[in-house]
Amino acid sequence: MAKYLLLKHYRGAPAAVNDVPMDQWTPEEISAHVQYMRDFAARLEGTGEYVDGQALAPEGAWVRYDGEGRPPVTDGPFAETKDLIAGWMVIDVDSYERAVELAGELSAAPGAGGKPIHEWLEVRPFLAAQPNVTECH
C-alpha cells in the first residue's frame, strides 16, 4: 500500500467545469457537498483506504525561524493563490492508478446547482524513503 495526499485548492488550479465559488453556493448546496465528502470518506474507511482528511479555512500565515532566541517571523496572511489549500485527504491505496481513480471520484463532489464540480485535485505521493543526500546535490 502507498499513501497519497489529495489536495483541494481554493484557487490556483485549472478552473473546474462547475466553477462557481463556494461563497456563492446556497446552504443546501454546501450541505450536499460536505455530505458527499463524508460519504466518500466513509466508503474508503470501509475498504481500508481512508487515512485522514480535513477542510481548511482560507486564513493563514507564513512562518519562518529567525534565529536563536528570537521569535518566529510571520508574513501574511498573504499566501500565493496557487498555495491556498482548501482541504486534504490522505488515502492508502495499492497503486498510483487507484489514487488517480479516487481523486477523479472526489472531483465529482456536487457544487452550485447540485451539479458535479469536476474540480482539479492535486495527487501527491508520500515520500516512501529518505532521499539519498548525495543524490540531492
Protein backbone atom coordinates (compact mmCIF):
# COMPACT_ATOMS: atom_id res chain seq x y z
CA MET A 1 0.00 0.00 0.00
CA ALA A 2 1.16 3.55 -0.69
CA LYS A 3 -0.09 6.77 0.81
CA TYR A 4 -1.18 9.71 -1.30
CA LEU A 5 -2.27 13.23 -0.41
CA LEU A 6 -5.27 14.55 -2.34
CA LEU A 7 -5.21 18.36 -2.21
CA LYS A 8 -8.20 20.59 -2.87
CA HIS A 9 -7.32 24.17 -3.77
CA TYR A 10 -9.41 27.30 -3.24
CA ARG A 11 -7.72 28.92 -6.24
CA GLY A 12 -4.72 28.38 -8.44
CA ALA A 13 -5.63 25.05 -10.03
CA PRO A 14 -7.10 24.92 -13.52
CA ALA A 15 -10.72 26.07 -13.49
CA ALA A 16 -13.32 23.46 -12.61
CA VAL A 17 -16.17 22.71 -15.01
CA ASN A 18 -18.76 23.97 -12.48
CA ASP A 19 -16.60 26.94 -11.45
CA VAL A 20 -18.94 28.83 -9.09
CA PRO A 21 -17.06 29.87 -5.91
CA MET A 22 -18.34 28.20 -2.75
CA ASP A 23 -19.18 31.56 -1.15
CA GLN A 24 -21.89 31.89 -3.83
CA TRP A 25 -23.49 28.50 -3.10
CA THR A 26 -26.73 28.09 -1.19
CA PRO A 27 -26.64 26.47 2.27
CA GLU A 28 -28.24 23.36 0.72
CA GLU A 29 -25.52 23.16 -1.94
CA ILE A 30 -22.81 23.43 0.73
CA SER A 31 -24.53 20.72 2.81
CA ALA A 32 -24.74 18.42 -0.22
CA HIS A 33 -21.04 18.98 -0.97
CA VAL A 34 -19.98 18.27 2.62
CA GLN A 35 -22.20 15.17 2.74
CA TYR A 36 -20.62 13.87 -0.48
CA MET A 37 -17.18 14.27 1.11
CA ARG A 38 -18.32 12.47 4.28
CA ASP A 39 -19.88 9.63 2.30
CA PHE A 40 -16.73 9.31 0.17
CA ALA A 41 -14.54 9.11 3.30
CA ALA A 42 -16.89 6.58 4.93
CA ARG A 43 -16.76 4.37 1.83
CA LEU A 44 -12.95 4.46 1.87
CA GLU A 45 -12.93 3.71 5.60
CA GLY A 46 -14.88 0.57 4.72
CA THR A 47 -12.24 -0.53 2.20
CA GLY A 48 -9.32 0.43 4.48
CA GLU A 49 -8.12 3.11 2.05
CA TYR A 50 -9.00 6.21 4.10
CA VAL A 51 -6.36 7.61 6.47
CA ASP A 52 -7.49 11.16 7.29
CA GLY A 53 -8.87 14.36 5.81
CA GLN A 54 -9.72 17.92 6.81
CA ALA A 55 -11.13 21.09 5.34
CA LEU A 56 -9.05 24.22 5.90
CA ALA A 57 -10.07 27.85 6.37
CA PRO A 58 -8.63 30.31 3.83
CA GLU A 59 -6.85 32.30 6.56
CA GLY A 60 -3.23 31.57 7.47
CA ALA A 61 0.28 32.97 7.62
CA TRP A 62 3.79 32.11 6.51
CA VAL A 63 6.14 31.46 9.45
CA ARG A 64 9.92 31.17 9.50
CA TYR A 65 12.66 30.65 12.10
CA ASP A 66 14.53 33.94 12.70
CA GLY A 67 17.49 32.83 14.78
CA GLU A 68 18.31 31.63 18.27
CA GLY A 69 16.30 33.36 20.98
CA ARG A 70 14.23 35.37 18.53
CA PRO A 71 10.51 34.89 17.90
CA PRO A 72 9.43 33.36 14.59
CA VAL A 73 8.83 35.81 11.76
CA THR A 74 5.38 35.82 10.19
CA ASP A 75 4.18 37.25 6.93
CA GLY A 76 0.62 37.37 5.86
CA PRO A 77 -1.84 36.05 5.55
CA PHE A 78 -0.66 36.73 2.02
CA ALA A 79 -0.42 33.22 0.57
CA GLU A 80 0.12 32.93 -3.15
CA THR A 81 -3.17 31.83 -4.67
CA LYS A 82 -1.50 28.71 -6.05
CA ASP A 83 -0.67 27.74 -2.46
CA LEU A 84 -4.10 28.28 -0.96
CA ILE A 85 -5.22 24.81 0.10
CA ALA A 86 -8.93 24.28 0.79
CA GLY A 87 -8.54 20.84 2.29
CA TRP A 88 -6.88 17.49 2.00
CA MET A 89 -7.44 13.78 2.26
CA VAL A 90 -4.83 11.09 2.85
CA ILE A 91 -5.50 7.73 1.26
CA ASP A 92 -3.57 4.46 1.45
CA VAL A 93 -4.04 2.50 -1.76
CA ASP A 94 -2.44 -0.29 -3.79
CA SER A 95 -1.32 1.85 -6.73
CA TYR A 96 -0.97 5.29 -8.25
CA GLU A 97 -3.74 4.33 -10.66
CA ARG A 98 -6.11 3.72 -7.72
CA ALA A 99 -5.14 7.10 -6.22
CA VAL A 100 -5.99 8.79 -9.54
CA GLU A 101 -9.27 6.87 -9.77
CA LEU A 102 -10.31 8.02 -6.28
CA ALA A 103 -9.23 11.62 -6.95
CA GLY A 104 -11.47 11.54 -10.03
CA GLU A 105 -14.42 10.41 -7.91
CA LEU A 106 -13.71 13.07 -5.30
CA SER A 107 -13.59 15.66 -8.08
CA ALA A 108 -17.24 14.92 -8.80
CA ALA A 109 -18.49 16.37 -5.49
CA PRO A 110 -21.58 18.49 -6.12
CA GLY A 111 -21.40 22.26 -6.22
CA ALA A 112 -23.67 25.03 -7.46
CA GLY A 113 -26.96 23.74 -8.76
CA GLY A 114 -26.18 20.30 -7.35
CA LYS A 115 -24.02 19.58 -10.40
CA PRO A 116 -20.58 17.94 -10.04
CA ILE A 117 -17.76 20.45 -9.72
CA HIS A 118 -15.27 18.43 -11.77
CA GLU A 119 -12.54 20.31 -9.92
CA TRP A 120 -8.86 19.55 -10.33
CA LEU A 121 -7.27 17.80 -7.36
CA GLU A 122 -3.55 17.54 -6.76
CA VAL A 123 -2.39 13.95 -6.14
CA ARG A 124 0.92 13.76 -4.24
CA PRO A 125 2.62 10.54 -3.11
CA PHE A 126 4.13 10.42 0.36
CA LEU A 127 7.90 10.09 0.32
CA ALA A 128 8.44 6.37 0.87
CA ALA A 129 12.06 6.63 1.99
CA GLN A 130 14.55 9.33 2.89
CA PRO A 131 16.27 10.63 -0.24
CA ASN A 132 19.95 9.82 -0.61
CA VAL A 133 21.75 13.02 0.41
CA THR A 134 24.38 12.61 -2.31
CA GLU A 135 21.62 12.46 -4.94
CA CYS A 136 20.23 15.85 -3.82
CA HIS A 137 23.37 17.84 -4.66
